[in-house]
Amino acid sequence: MADNQLPEVDLKMWAIASQAVAELAGPIILGVVVGYWTGYMATAVVIGTCVGFLGTFIHLILIANRMNRPVNHYKPPESRL
């Protein structure tokens, strides 16, 4: 492998991290927009932060569970037909 290439696992982790940041930042930005539009800036930002944190936390738990799932290496027997 060339020195300037990252292993496949590192690329997957960077993709997961960037997705988590986007999931957290999206509701916060939406909270700022809704807060500006309605006049309840502080409340909307706090609600957006809580929703973003909760959604990101749940998604990261699902990803961790999927990565730790045992792999089934069972191969069915070949057919004799």
PDB file of N, CA and C in Angstrom:
ATOM      1  N   MET A   1       0.852  -1.171   0.000  1.00  0.00           N
ATOM      2  CA  MET A   1       0.000   0.000   0.000  1.00  0.00           C
ATOM      3  C   MET A   1       0.899   1.235   0.000  1.00  0.00           C
ATOM      4  N   ALA A   2       0.528   2.223  -0.737  1.00  0.00           N
ATOM      5  CA  ALA A   2       1.299   3.463  -0.774  1.00  0.00           C
ATOM      6  C   ALA A   2       1.185   4.195   0.555  1.00  0.00           C
ATOM      7  N   ASP A   3       2.186   5.002   0.852  1.00  0.00           N
ATOM      8  CA  ASP A   3       2.214   5.716   2.132  1.00  0.00           C
ATOM      9  C   ASP A   3       1.118   6.765   2.249  1.00  0.00           C
ATOM     10  N   ASN A   4       0.647   7.290   1.131  1.00  0.00           N
ATOM     11  CA  ASN A   4      -0.341   8.366   1.189  1.00  0.00           C
ATOM     12  C   ASN A   4      -1.780   7.865   1.204  1.00  0.00           C
ATOM     13  N   GLN A   5      -2.009   6.546   1.209  1.00  0.00           N
ATOM     14  CA  GLN A   5      -3.366   6.004   1.210  1.00  0.00           C
ATOM     15  C   GLN A   5      -3.756   5.567   2.612  1.00  0.00           C
ATOM     16  N   LEU A   6      -4.981   5.857   2.982  1.00  0.00           N
ATOM     17  CA  LEU A   6      -5.494   5.414   4.265  1.00  0.00           C
ATOM     18  C   LEU A   6      -6.093   4.020   4.129  1.00  0.00           C
ATOM     19  N   PRO A   7      -5.969   3.195   5.169  1.00  0.00           N
ATOM     20  CA  PRO A   7      -6.640   1.895   5.118  1.00  0.00           C
ATOM     21  C   PRO A   7      -8.152   2.065   5.016  1.00  0.00           C
ATOM     22  N   GLU A   8      -8.819   1.028   4.535  1.00  0.00           N
ATOM     23  CA  GLU A   8     -10.266   1.091   4.316  1.00  0.00           C
ATOM     24  C   GLU A   8     -11.029   1.355   5.602  1.00  0.00           C
ATOM     25  N   VAL A   9     -10.553   0.809   6.716  1.00  0.00           N
ATOM     26  CA  VAL A   9     -11.230   1.013   8.005  1.00  0.00           C
ATOM     27  C   VAL A   9     -11.169   2.480   8.408  1.00  0.00           C
ATOM     28  N   ASP A  10     -10.023   3.120   8.206  1.00  0.00           N
ATOM     29  CA  ASP A  10      -9.913   4.541   8.543  1.00  0.00           C
ATOM     30  C   ASP A  10     -10.869   5.384   7.715  1.00  0.00           C
ATOM     31  N   LEU A  11     -11.027   5.045   6.442  1.00  0.00           N
ATOM     32  CA  LEU A  11     -11.950   5.795   5.591  1.00  0.00           C
ATOM     33  C   LEU A  11     -13.393   5.624   6.073  1.00  0.00           C
ATOM     34  N   LYS A  12     -13.741   4.408   6.496  1.00  0.00           N
ATOM     35  CA  LYS A  12     -15.094   4.181   7.013  1.00  0.00           C
ATOM     36  C   LYS A  12     -15.318   4.979   8.287  1.00  0.00           C
ATOM     37  N   MET A  13     -14.322   5.030   9.161  1.00  0.00           N
ATOM     38  CA  MET A  13     -14.473   5.782  10.404  1.00  0.00           C
ATOM     39  C   MET A  13     -14.590   7.284  10.134  1.00  0.00           C
ATOM     40  N   TRP A  14     -13.831   7.785   9.165  1.00  0.00           N
ATOM     41  CA  TRP A  14     -13.955   9.198   8.811  1.00  0.00           C
ATOM     42  C   TRP A  14     -15.339   9.494   8.234  1.00  0.00           C
ATOM     43  N   ALA A  15     -15.877   8.565   7.459  1.00  0.00           N
ATOM     44  CA  ALA A  15     -17.224   8.751   6.902  1.00  0.00           C
ATOM     45  C   ALA A  15     -18.266   8.758   8.007  1.00  0.00           C
ATOM     46  N   ILE A  16     -18.122   7.862   8.987  1.00  0.00           N
ATOM     47  CA  ILE A  16     -19.055   7.824  10.112  1.00  0.00           C
ATOM     48  C   ILE A  16     -18.956   9.109  10.927  1.00  0.00           C
ATOM     49  N   ALA A  17     -17.735   9.577  11.163  1.00  0.00           N
ATOM     50  CA  ALA A  17     -17.548  10.801  11.946  1.00  0.00           C
ATOM     51  C   ALA A  17     -18.138  12.017  11.230  1.00  0.00           C
ATOM     52  N   SER A  18     -17.935  12.109   9.922  1.00  0.00           N
ATOM     53  CA  SER A  18     -18.482  13.257   9.199  1.00  0.00           C
ATOM     54  C   SER A  18     -20.004  13.211   9.157  1.00  0.00           C
ATOM     55  N   GLN A  19     -20.566  12.014   9.080  1.00  0.00           N
ATOM     56  CA  GLN A  19     -22.016  11.889   9.102  1.00  0.00           C
ATOM     57  C   GLN A  19     -22.569  12.276  10.473  1.00  0.00           C
ATOM     58  N   ALA A  20     -21.871  11.900  11.537  1.00  0.00           N
ATOM     59  CA  ALA A  20     -22.313  12.259  12.885  1.00  0.00           C
ATOM     60  C   ALA A  20     -22.280  13.766  13.090  1.00  0.00           C
ATOM     61  N   VAL A  21     -21.252  14.421  12.577  1.00  0.00           N
ATOM     62  CA  VAL A  21     -21.171  15.883  12.686  1.00  0.00           C
ATOM     63  C   VAL A  21     -22.315  16.537  11.928  1.00  0.00           C
ATOM     64  N   ALA A  22     -22.619  16.033  10.746  1.00  0.00           N
ATOM     65  CA  ALA A  22     -23.725  16.590   9.962  1.00  0.00           C
ATOM     66  C   ALA A  22     -25.063  16.361  10.662  1.00  0.00           C
ATOM     67  N   GLU A  23     -25.229  15.177  11.288  1.00  0.00           N
ATOM     68  CA  GLU A  23     -26.477  14.897  12.001  1.00  0.00           C
ATOM     69  C   GLU A  23     -26.642  15.791  13.219  1.00  0.00           C
ATOM     70  N   LEU A  24     -25.545  16.178  13.821  1.00  0.00           N
ATOM     71  CA  LEU A  24     -25.625  17.050  14.994  1.00  0.00           C
ATOM     72  C   LEU A  24     -25.808  18.509  14.588  1.00  0.00           C
ATOM     73  N   ALA A  25     -25.126  18.924  13.531  1.00  0.00           N
ATOM     74  CA  ALA A  25     -25.182  20.330  13.123  1.00  0.00           C
ATOM     75  C   ALA A  25     -26.489  20.685  12.417  1.00  0.00           C
ATOM     76  N   GLY A  26     -27.080  19.739  11.707  1.00  0.00           N
ATOM     77  CA  GLY A  26     -28.311  20.019  10.953  1.00  0.00           C
ATOM     78  C   GLY A  26     -29.450  20.521  11.817  1.00  0.00           C
ATOM     79  N   PRO A  27     -29.820  19.805  12.887  1.00  0.00           N
ATOM     80  CA  PRO A  27     -30.919  20.300  13.735  1.00  0.00           C
ATOM     81  C   PRO A  27     -30.593  21.608  14.455  1.00  0.00           C
ATOM     82  N   ILE A  28     -29.317  21.837  14.763  1.00  0.00           N
ATOM     83  CA  ILE A  28     -28.950  23.100  15.402  1.00  0.00           C
ATOM     84  C   ILE A  28     -29.178  24.257  14.434  1.00  0.00           C
ATOM     85  N   ILE A  29     -28.740  24.083  13.198  1.00  0.00           N
ATOM     86  CA  ILE A  29     -28.947  25.133  12.187  1.00  0.00           C
ATOM     87  C   ILE A  29     -30.433  25.328  11.928  1.00  0.00           C
ATOM     88  N   LEU A  30     -31.175  24.230  11.862  1.00  0.00           N
ATOM     89  CA  LEU A  30     -32.625  24.334  11.693  1.00  0.00           C
ATOM     90  C   LEU A  30     -33.255  25.064  12.882  1.00  0.00           C
ATOM     91  N   GLY A  31     -32.746  24.802  14.096  1.00  0.00           N
ATOM     92  CA  GLY A  31     -33.247  25.503  15.282  1.00  0.00           C
ATOM     93  C   GLY A  31     -32.971  26.999  15.215  1.00  0.00           C
ATOM     94  N   VAL A  32     -31.816  27.372  14.698  1.00  0.00           N
ATOM     95  CA  VAL A  32     -31.502  28.803  14.545  1.00  0.00           C
ATOM     96  C   VAL A  32     -32.451  29.451  13.543  1.00  0.00           C
ATOM     97  N   VAL A  33     -32.701  28.778  12.434  1.00  0.00           N
ATOM     98  CA  VAL A  33     -33.599  29.328  11.412  1.00  0.00           C
ATOM     99  C   VAL A  33     -35.020  29.458  11.951  1.00  0.00           C
ATOM    100  N   VAL A  34     -35.508  28.399  12.598  1.00  0.00           N
ATOM    101  CA  VAL A  34     -36.860  28.441  13.161  1.00  0.00           C
ATOM    102  C   VAL A  34     -36.942  29.482  14.274  1.00  0.00           C
ATOM    103  N   GLY A  35     -35.911  29.568  15.098  1.00  0.00           N
ATOM    104  CA  GLY A  35     -35.893  30.557  16.170  1.00  0.00           C
ATOM    105  C   GLY A  35     -35.896  31.985  15.648  1.00  0.00           C
ATOM    106  N   TYR A  36     -35.157  32.226  14.583  1.00  0.00           N
ATOM    107  CA  TYR A  36     -35.137  33.552  13.981  1.00  0.00           C
ATOM    108  C   TYR A  36     -36.501  33.892  13.391  1.00  0.00           C
ATOM    109  N   TRP A  37     -37.126  32.899  12.780  1.00  0.00           N
ATOM    110  CA  TRP A  37     -38.410  33.106  12.120  1.00  0.00           C
ATOM    111  C   TRP A  37     -39.535  33.310  13.129  1.00  0.00           C
ATOM    112  N   THR A  38     -39.507  32.573  14.254  1.00  0.00           N
ATOM    113  CA  THR A  38     -40.584  32.663  15.237  1.00  0.00           C
ATOM    114  C   THR A  38     -40.322  33.659  16.350  1.00  0.00           C
ATOM    115  N   GLY A  39     -39.061  34.025  16.563  1.00  0.00           N
ATOM    116  CA  GLY A  39     -38.738  34.951  17.640  1.00  0.00           C
ATOM    117  C   GLY A  39     -38.369  34.267  18.944  1.00  0.00           C
ATOM    118  N   TYR A  40     -38.335  32.946  18.970  1.00  0.00           N
ATOM    119  CA  TYR A  40     -37.950  32.172  20.157  1.00  0.00           C
ATOM    120  C   TYR A  40     -36.590  31.530  19.924  1.00  0.00           C
ATOM    121  N   MET A  41     -35.573  32.370  19.745  1.00  0.00           N
ATOM    122  CA  MET A  41     -34.258  31.889  19.343  1.00  0.00           C
ATOM    123  C   MET A  41     -33.676  30.894  20.344  1.00  0.00           C
ATOM    124  N   ALA A  42     -33.632  31.242  21.609  1.00  0.00           N
ATOM    125  CA  ALA A  42     -32.983  30.384  22.605  1.00  0.00           C
ATOM    126  C   ALA A  42     -33.692  29.030  22.714  1.00  0.00           C
ATOM    127  N   THR A  43     -35.000  29.052  22.759  1.00  0.00           N
ATOM    128  CA  THR A  43     -35.762  27.811  22.896  1.00  0.00           C
ATOM    129  C   THR A  43     -35.569  26.919  21.679  1.00  0.00           C
ATOM    130  N   ALA A  44     -35.627  27.477  20.496  1.00  0.00           N
ATOM    131  CA  ALA A  44     -35.488  26.679  19.278  1.00  0.00           C
ATOM    132  C   ALA A  44     -34.090  26.091  19.150  1.00  0.00           C
ATOM    133  N   VAL A  45     -33.074  26.845  19.542  1.00  0.00           N
ATOM    134  CA  VAL A  45     -31.706  26.339  19.457  1.00  0.00           C
ATOM    135  C   VAL A  45     -31.491  25.204  20.458  1.00  0.00           C
ATOM    136  N   VAL A  46     -32.025  25.353  21.664  1.00  0.00           N
ATOM    137  CA  VAL A  46     -31.890  24.294  22.672  1.00  0.00           C
ATOM    138  C   VAL A  46     -32.628  23.030  22.219  1.00  0.00           C
ATOM    139  N   ILE A  47     -33.830  23.187  21.686  1.00  0.00           N
ATOM    140  CA  ILE A  47     -34.579  22.023  21.194  1.00  0.00           C
ATOM    141  C   ILE A  47     -33.842  21.379  20.023  1.00  0.00           C
ATOM    142  N   GLY A  48     -33.320  22.178  19.093  1.00  0.00           N
ATOM    143  CA  GLY A  48     -32.553  21.639  17.968  1.00  0.00           C
ATOM    144  C   GLY A  48     -31.301  20.917  18.427  1.00  0.00           C
ATOM    145  N   THR A  49     -30.631  21.450  19.438  1.00  0.00           N
ATOM    146  CA  THR A  49     -29.436  20.795  19.972  1.00  0.00           C
ATOM    147  C   THR A  49     -29.785  19.461  20.605  1.00  0.00           C
ATOM    148  N   CYS A  50     -30.857  19.426  21.370  1.00  0.00           N
ATOM    149  CA  CYS A  50     -31.273  18.172  22.019  1.00  0.00           C
ATOM    150  C   CYS A  50     -31.682  17.126  20.985  1.00  0.00           C
ATOM    151  N   VAL A  51     -32.431  17.534  19.985  1.00  0.00           N
ATOM    152  CA  VAL A  51     -32.852  16.600  18.940  1.00  0.00           C
ATOM    153  C   VAL A  51     -31.635  16.086  18.169  1.00  0.00           C
ATOM    154  N   GLY A  52     -30.711  16.978  17.834  1.00  0.00           N
ATOM    155  CA  GLY A  52     -29.506  16.567  17.120  1.00  0.00           C
ATOM    156  C   GLY A  52     -28.643  15.622  17.933  1.00  0.00           C
ATOM    157  N   PHE A  53     -28.465  15.926  19.223  1.00  0.00           N
ATOM    158  CA  PHE A  53     -27.661  15.061  20.081  1.00  0.00           C
ATOM    159  C   PHE A  53     -28.304  13.692  20.232  1.00  0.00           C
ATOM    160  N   LEU A  54     -29.602  13.668  20.462  1.00  0.00           N
ATOM    161  CA  LEU A  54     -30.307  12.401  20.637  1.00  0.00           C
ATOM    162  C   LEU A  54     -30.263  11.561  19.362  1.00  0.00           C
ATOM    163  N   GLY A  55     -30.523  12.184  18.227  1.00  0.00           N
ATOM    164  CA  GLY A  55     -30.485  11.455  16.961  1.00  0.00           C
ATOM    165  C   GLY A  55     -29.095  10.925  16.642  1.00  0.00           C
ATOM    166  N   THR A  56     -28.065  11.730  16.880  1.00  0.00           N
ATOM    167  CA  THR A  56     -26.698  11.294  16.632  1.00  0.00           C
ATOM    168  C   THR A  56     -26.309  10.156  17.567  1.00  0.00           C
ATOM    169  N   PHE A  57     -26.681  10.269  18.832  1.00  0.00           N
ATOM    170  CA  PHE A  57     -26.367   9.246  19.821  1.00  0.00           C
ATOM    171  C   PHE A  57     -27.005   7.911  19.443  1.00  0.00           C
ATOM    172  N   ILE A  58     -28.277   7.938  19.065  1.00  0.00           N
ATOM    173  CA  ILE A  58     -28.974   6.709  18.669  1.00  0.00           C
ATOM    174  C   ILE A  58     -28.334   6.113  17.417  1.00  0.00           C
ATOM    175  N   HIS A  59     -28.003   6.961  16.449  1.00  0.00           N
ATOM    176  CA  HIS A  59     -27.407   6.462  15.215  1.00  0.00           C
ATOM    177  C   HIS A  59     -26.029   5.853  15.469  1.00  0.00           C
ATOM    178  N   LEU A  60     -25.215   6.463  16.331  1.00  0.00           N
ATOM    179  CA  LEU A  60     -23.897   5.907  16.629  1.00  0.00           C
ATOM    180  C   LEU A  60     -24.010   4.577  17.370  1.00  0.00           C
ATOM    181  N   ILE A  61     -25.013   4.431  18.231  1.00  0.00           N
ATOM    182  CA  ILE A  61     -25.230   3.146  18.903  1.00  0.00           C
ATOM    183  C   ILE A  61     -25.600   2.081  17.880  1.00  0.00           C
ATOM    184  N   LEU A  62     -26.464   2.411  16.930  1.00  0.00           N
ATOM    185  CA  LEU A  62     -26.833   1.449  15.888  1.00  0.00           C
ATOM    186  C   LEU A  62     -25.626   1.051  15.037  1.00  0.00           C
ATOM    187  N   ILE A  63     -24.772   2.014  14.710  1.00  0.00           N
ATOM    188  CA  ILE A  63     -23.576   1.713  13.931  1.00  0.00           C
ATOM    189  C   ILE A  63     -22.636   0.813  14.726  1.00  0.00           C
ATOM    190  N   ALA A  64     -22.452   1.108  16.021  1.00  0.00           N
ATOM    191  CA  ALA A  64     -21.568   0.285  16.856  1.00  0.00           C
ATOM    192  C   ALA A  64     -22.104  -1.138  16.978  1.00  0.00           C
ATOM    193  N   ASN A  65     -23.405  -1.281  17.137  1.00  0.00           N
ATOM    194  CA  ASN A  65     -23.985  -2.620  17.212  1.00  0.00           C
ATOM    195  C   ASN A  65     -23.813  -3.376  15.909  1.00  0.00           C
ATOM    196  N   ARG A  66     -23.954  -2.685  14.788  1.00  0.00           N
ATOM    197  CA  ARG A  66     -23.793  -3.328  13.487  1.00  0.00           C
ATOM    198  C   ARG A  66     -22.337  -3.749  13.266  1.00  0.00           C
ATOM    199  N   MET A  67     -21.387  -2.944  13.725  1.00  0.00           N
ATOM    200  CA  MET A  67     -19.975  -3.270  13.541  1.00  0.00           C
ATOM    201  C   MET A  67     -19.534  -4.417  14.453  1.00  0.00           C
ATOM    202  N   ASN A  68     -20.199  -4.602  15.590  1.00  0.00           N
ATOM    203  CA  ASN A  68     -19.825  -5.653  16.525  1.00  0.00           C
ATOM    204  C   ASN A  68     -20.622  -6.934  16.338  1.00  0.00           C
ATOM    205  N   ARG A  69     -21.514  -6.957  15.375  1.00  0.00           N
ATOM    206  CA  ARG A  69     -22.317  -8.143  15.111  1.00  0.00           C
ATOM    207  C   ARG A  69     -21.416  -9.261  14.600  1.00  0.00           C
ATOM    208  N   PRO A  70     -21.590 -10.479  15.111  1.00  0.00           N
ATOM    209  CA  PRO A  70     -20.754 -11.577  14.618  1.00  0.00           C
ATOM    210  C   PRO A  70     -21.057 -11.867  13.144  1.00  0.00           C
ATOM    211  N   VAL A  71     -20.018 -12.215  12.442  1.00  0.00           N
ATOM    212  CA  VAL A  71     -20.148 -12.491  11.016  1.00  0.00           C
ATOM    213  C   VAL A  71     -20.443 -13.970  10.839  1.00  0.00           C
ATOM    214  N   ASN A  72     -21.425 -14.262  10.024  1.00  0.00           N
ATOM    215  CA  ASN A  72     -21.795 -15.641   9.754  1.00  0.00           C
ATOM    216  C   ASN A  72     -20.985 -16.139   8.557  1.00  0.00           C
ATOM    217  N   HIS A  73     -20.076 -17.066   8.807  1.00  0.00           N
ATOM    218  CA  HIS A  73     -19.240 -17.600   7.745  1.00  0.00           C
ATOM    219  C   HIS A  73     -19.773 -18.928   7.210  1.00  0.00           C
ATOM    220  N   TYR A  74     -21.011 -19.230   7.488  1.00  0.00           N
ATOM    221  CA  TYR A  74     -21.585 -20.492   7.052  1.00  0.00           C
ATOM    222  C   TYR A  74     -21.794 -20.486   5.549  1.00  0.00           C
ATOM    223  N   LYS A  75     -21.337 -21.545   4.924  1.00  0.00           N
ATOM    224  CA  LYS A  75     -21.564 -21.719   3.485  1.00  0.00           C
ATOM    225  C   LYS A  75     -22.430 -22.969   3.316  1.00  0.00           C
ATOM    226  N   PRO A  76     -23.536 -22.855   2.619  1.00  0.00           N
ATOM    227  CA  PRO A  76     -24.390 -24.032   2.428  1.00  0.00           C
ATOM    228  C   PRO A  76     -23.654 -25.095   1.613  1.00  0.00           C
ATOM    229  N   PRO A  77     -23.963 -26.337   1.863  1.00  0.00           N
ATOM    230  CA  PRO A  77     -23.303 -27.403   1.088  1.00  0.00           C
ATOM    231  C   PRO A  77     -23.682 -27.303  -0.380  1.00  0.00           C
ATOM    232  N   GLU A  78     -22.765 -27.742  -1.207  1.00  0.00           N
ATOM    233  CA  GLU A  78     -23.003 -27.679  -2.652  1.00  0.00           C
ATOM    234  C   GLU A  78     -24.044 -28.710  -3.057  1.00  0.00           C
ATOM    235  N   SER A  79     -24.839 -28.360  -3.999  1.00  0.00           N
ATOM    236  CA  SER A  79     -25.864 -29.256  -4.500  1.00  0.00           C
ATOM    237  C   SER A  79     -25.235 -30.369  -5.344  1.00  0.00           C
ATOM    238  N   ARG A  80     -25.781 -31.553  -5.261  1.00  0.00           N
ATOM    239  CA  ARG A  80     -25.241 -32.679  -6.028  1.00  0.00           C
ATOM    240  C   ARG A  80     -26.095 -32.985  -7.250  1.00  0.00           C
ATOM    241  N   LEU A  81     -26.890 -32.059  -7.684  1.00  0.00           N
ATOM    242  CA  LEU A  81     -27.742 -32.291  -8.852  1.00  0.00           C
ATOM    243  C   LEU A  81     -27.003 -32.149 -10.134  1.00  0.00           C
TER     244      LEU A  81
END
